[in-house]
C-alpha atoms as a PDB file:
ATOM      1  CA  MET A   1     -87.258-228.930 -77.594  1.00  0.00           C
ATOM      2  CA  SER A   2     -87.555-225.216 -76.084  1.00  0.00           C
ATOM      3  CA  LEU A   3     -86.173-224.169 -72.629  1.00  0.00           C
ATOM      4  CA  SER A   4     -88.431-222.287 -69.830  1.00  0.00           C
ATOM      5  CA  LEU A   5     -88.237-218.835 -69.661  1.00  0.00           C
ATOM      6  CA  PRO A   6     -86.018-219.153 -65.928  1.00  0.00           C
ATOM      7  CA  ARG A   7     -83.824-221.200 -68.213  1.00  0.00           C
ATOM      8  CA  LYS A   8     -83.355-218.319 -70.880  1.00  0.00           C
ATOM      9  CA  LEU A   9     -83.311-215.834 -68.739  1.00  0.00           C
ATOM     10  CA  LEU A  10     -80.046-217.475 -66.668  1.00  0.00           C
ATOM     11  CA  LEU A  11     -78.340-218.498 -69.751  1.00  0.00           C
ATOM     12  CA  GLY A  12     -78.503-215.219 -70.879  1.00  0.00           C
ATOM     13  CA  VAL A  13     -77.503-213.550 -67.780  1.00  0.00           C
ATOM     14  CA  ALA A  14     -74.547-216.071 -67.913  1.00  0.00           C
ATOM     15  CA  GLY A  15     -73.698-215.554 -71.583  1.00  0.00           C
ATOM     16  CA  LEU A  16     -73.377-211.791 -71.066  1.00  0.00           C
ATOM     17  CA  ALA A  17     -71.144-212.291 -68.154  1.00  0.00           C
ATOM     18  CA  ALA A  18     -68.799-214.059 -69.389  1.00  0.00           C
ATOM     19  CA  ALA A  19     -68.446-211.740 -72.551  1.00  0.00           C
ATOM     20  CA  GLY A  20     -67.918-209.054 -70.046  1.00  0.00           C
ATOM     21  CA  ALA A  21     -65.636-210.925 -68.688  1.00  0.00           C
ATOM     22  CA  LEU A  22     -63.696-211.367 -72.232  1.00  0.00           C
ATOM     23  CA  VAL A  23     -64.389-207.787 -73.160  1.00  0.00           C
ATOM     24  CA  LEU A  24     -62.688-205.856 -69.814  1.00  0.00           C
ATOM     25  CA  PRO A  25     -59.038-207.811 -69.742  1.00  0.00           C
ATOM     26  CA  GLN A  26     -56.585-206.292 -66.552  1.00  0.00           C
ATOM     27  CA  PRO A  27     -53.615-205.950 -66.677  1.00  0.00           C
ATOM     28  CA  ALA A  28     -50.718-207.949 -65.316  1.00  0.00           C
ATOM     29  CA  GLN A  29     -50.401-207.857 -61.574  1.00  0.00           C
ATOM     30  CA  ALA A  30     -47.106-209.454 -60.607  1.00  0.00           C
ATOM     31  CA  ARG A  31     -46.741-210.318 -57.256  1.00  0.00           C
ATOM     32  CA  VAL A  32     -44.395-212.611 -55.417  1.00  0.00           C
ATOM     33  CA  PHE A  33     -46.066-214.697 -52.401  1.00  0.00           C
ATOM     34  CA  PHE A  34     -44.240-216.178 -49.306  1.00  0.00           C
ATOM     35  CA  GLY A  35     -45.844-218.931 -46.716  1.00  0.00           C
ATOM     36  CA  PHE A  36     -44.031-219.925 -43.786  1.00  0.00           C
ATOM     37  CA  GLY A  37     -46.424-222.690 -43.373  1.00  0.00           C
ATOM     38  CA  LEU A  38     -48.571-220.508 -40.559  1.00  0.00           C
ATOM     39  CA  GLY A  39     -51.339-219.781 -43.630  1.00  0.00           C
ATOM     40  CA  VAL A  40     -50.645-216.196 -43.722  1.00  0.00           C
ATOM     41  CA  PRO A  41     -48.973-215.113 -46.909  1.00  0.00           C
ATOM     42  CA  VAL A  42     -46.122-212.438 -47.096  1.00  0.00           C
ATOM     43  CA  TYR A  43     -46.383-209.893 -49.606  1.00  0.00           C
ATOM     44  CA  VAL A  44     -42.966-209.373 -50.982  1.00  0.00           C
ATOM     45  CA  GLY A  45     -42.990-206.195 -53.434  1.00  0.00           C
ATOM     46  CA  PRO A  46     -40.753-204.807 -56.424  1.00  0.00           C
ATOM     47  CA  HIS A  47     -37.576-203.228 -54.920  1.00  0.00           C
ATOM     48  CA  TYR A  48     -36.373-200.493 -57.169  1.00  0.00           C
ATOM     49  CA  TYR A  49     -32.901-199.379 -56.583  1.00  0.00           C
ATOM     50  CA  ARG A  50     -30.630-196.474 -57.155  1.00  0.00           C
ATOM     51  CA  PRO A  51     -28.297-196.746 -59.873  1.00  0.00           C
ATOM     52  CA  TYR A  52     -24.762-196.894 -58.611  1.00  0.00           C
ATOM     53  CA  TYR A  53     -23.113-194.936 -61.216  1.00  0.00           C
ATOM     54  CA  PRO A  54     -23.637-190.941 -61.623  1.00  0.00           C
ATOM     55  CA  TYR A  55     -25.532-189.387 -64.073  1.00  0.00           C
ATOM     56  CA  TYR A  56     -23.769-187.203 -66.865  1.00  0.00           C
ATOM     57  CA  VAL A  57     -25.598-184.607 -68.081  1.00  0.00           C
ATOM     58  CA  PRO A  58     -24.648-183.015 -71.422  1.00  0.00           C
ATOM     59  CA  GLY A  59     -24.054-179.351 -71.473  1.00  0.00           C
ATOM     60  CA  PRO A  60     -26.236-177.046 -73.775  1.00  0.00           C
ATOM     61  CA  VAL A  61     -25.487-177.376 -77.445  1.00  0.00           C
ATOM     62  CA  TYR A  62     -25.832-174.619 -79.780  1.00  0.00           C
ATOM     63  CA  TYR A  63     -26.292-174.987 -83.133  1.00  0.00           C
ATOM     64  CA  ALA A  64     -25.504-172.197 -85.593  1.00  0.00           C
ATOM     65  CA  PRO A  65     -27.059-172.546 -89.087  1.00  0.00           C
ATOM     66  CA  PRO A  66     -24.156-171.960 -92.295  1.00  0.00           C
ATOM     67  CA  PRO A  67     -24.032-168.950 -93.785  1.00  0.00           C
ATOM     68  CA  LEU A  68     -26.071-169.077 -96.962  1.00  0.00           C
ATOM     69  CA  GLY A  69     -24.450-168.740-100.675  1.00  0.00           C
ATOM     70  CA  TYR A  70     -27.050-166.623-102.961  1.00  0.00           C
ATOM     71  CA  SER A  71     -25.296-167.308-106.511  1.00  0.00           C
ATOM     72  CA  CYS A  72     -23.886-170.327-107.857  1.00  0.00           C
ATOM     73  CA  ASN A  73     -20.170-169.973-109.026  1.00  0.00           C
ATOM     74  CA  ALA A  74     -19.573-172.960-111.966  1.00  0.00           C
ATOM     75  CA  GLY A  75     -15.663-172.207-113.535  1.00  0.00           C
ATOM     76  CA  GLY A  76     -16.961-169.969-116.464  1.00  0.00           C
ATOM     77  CA  TYR A  77     -20.585-169.207-115.516  1.00  0.00           C
ATOM     78  CA  VAL A  78     -21.624-167.849-112.354  1.00  0.00           C
ATOM     79  CA  CYS A  79     -25.720-167.735-112.071  1.00  0.00           C
ATOM     80  CA  PRO A  80     -28.501-166.353-108.835  1.00  0.00           C
ATOM     81  CA  LEU A  81     -29.837-168.903-107.183  1.00  0.00           C
ATOM     82  CA  HIS A  82     -33.744-168.862-106.649  1.00  0.00           C
ATOM     83  CA  HIS A  83     -33.574-170.174-102.665  1.00  0.00           C
ATOM     84  CA  ALA A  84     -30.377-169.313-100.418  1.00  0.00           C
ATOM     85  CA  ARG A  85     -28.321-172.294 -99.722  1.00  0.00           C
ATOM     86  CA  PRO A  86     -25.253-173.220 -97.577  1.00  0.00           C
ATOM     87  CA  VAL A  87     -22.058-172.294 -98.752  1.00  0.00           C
ATOM     88  CA  ASP A  88     -20.443-174.487-100.744  1.00  0.00           C
ATOM     89  CA  ALA A  89     -23.102-176.825-101.495  1.00  0.00           C
ATOM     90  CA  GLY A  90     -23.117-178.476-105.169  1.00  0.00           C
ATOM     91  CA  CYS A  91     -25.408-176.470-107.308  1.00  0.00           C
ATOM     92  CA  VAL A  92     -26.251-176.374-111.277  1.00  0.00           C
ATOM     93  CA  CYS A  93     -25.745-173.406-113.710  1.00  0.00           C
ATOM     94  CA  PRO A  94     -27.861-173.540-117.583  1.00  0.00           C
ATOM     95  CA  THR A  95     -24.926-172.544-119.991  1.00  0.00           C
ATOM     96  CA  TYR A  96     -25.574-170.518-123.340  1.00  0.00           C
ATOM     97  CA  GLY A  97     -26.103-173.907-125.231  1.00  0.00           C
ATOM     98  CA  GLY A  98     -29.140-175.253-123.059  1.00  0.00           C
ATOM     99  CA  GLY A  99     -26.584-177.430-121.028  1.00  0.00           C
ATOM    100  CA  ARG A 100     -25.653-177.220-117.578  1.00  0.00           C
ATOM    101  CA  VAL A 101     -22.830-177.104-115.231  1.00  0.00           C
ATOM    102  CA  GLY A 102     -22.352-178.354-112.019  1.00  0.00           C
ATOM    103  CA  GLY A 103     -20.330-175.214-109.245  1.00  0.00           C
ATOM    104  CA  TYR A 104     -20.550-174.547-105.927  1.00  0.00           C
ATOM    105  CA  VAL A 105     -22.513-171.831-103.826  1.00  0.00           C
ATOM    106  CA  GLN A 106     -20.788-168.793-103.112  1.00  0.00           C
END
């Protein structure tokens, strides 16, 4: 059973309208209505109140980078560092026998 051209057109337009309603969602709109029995709604919108506590604005923060060291002191071994590192950070020096000894940046 085939449909006539006007019915196909009507179904096509109805399908496009339904698809358009699904594709374009609207954001939620919260509203409160109160009626007084007169058939006239009264809109009571959201009220925003200022906070009752004072705002605390912290002072400026000054950051000074730590002093940098260029050598590693590992007890009996002192070796240069390839990149400067913060003083008193951990580091490692190679030993003459091929081992490694831990120390601190100076």
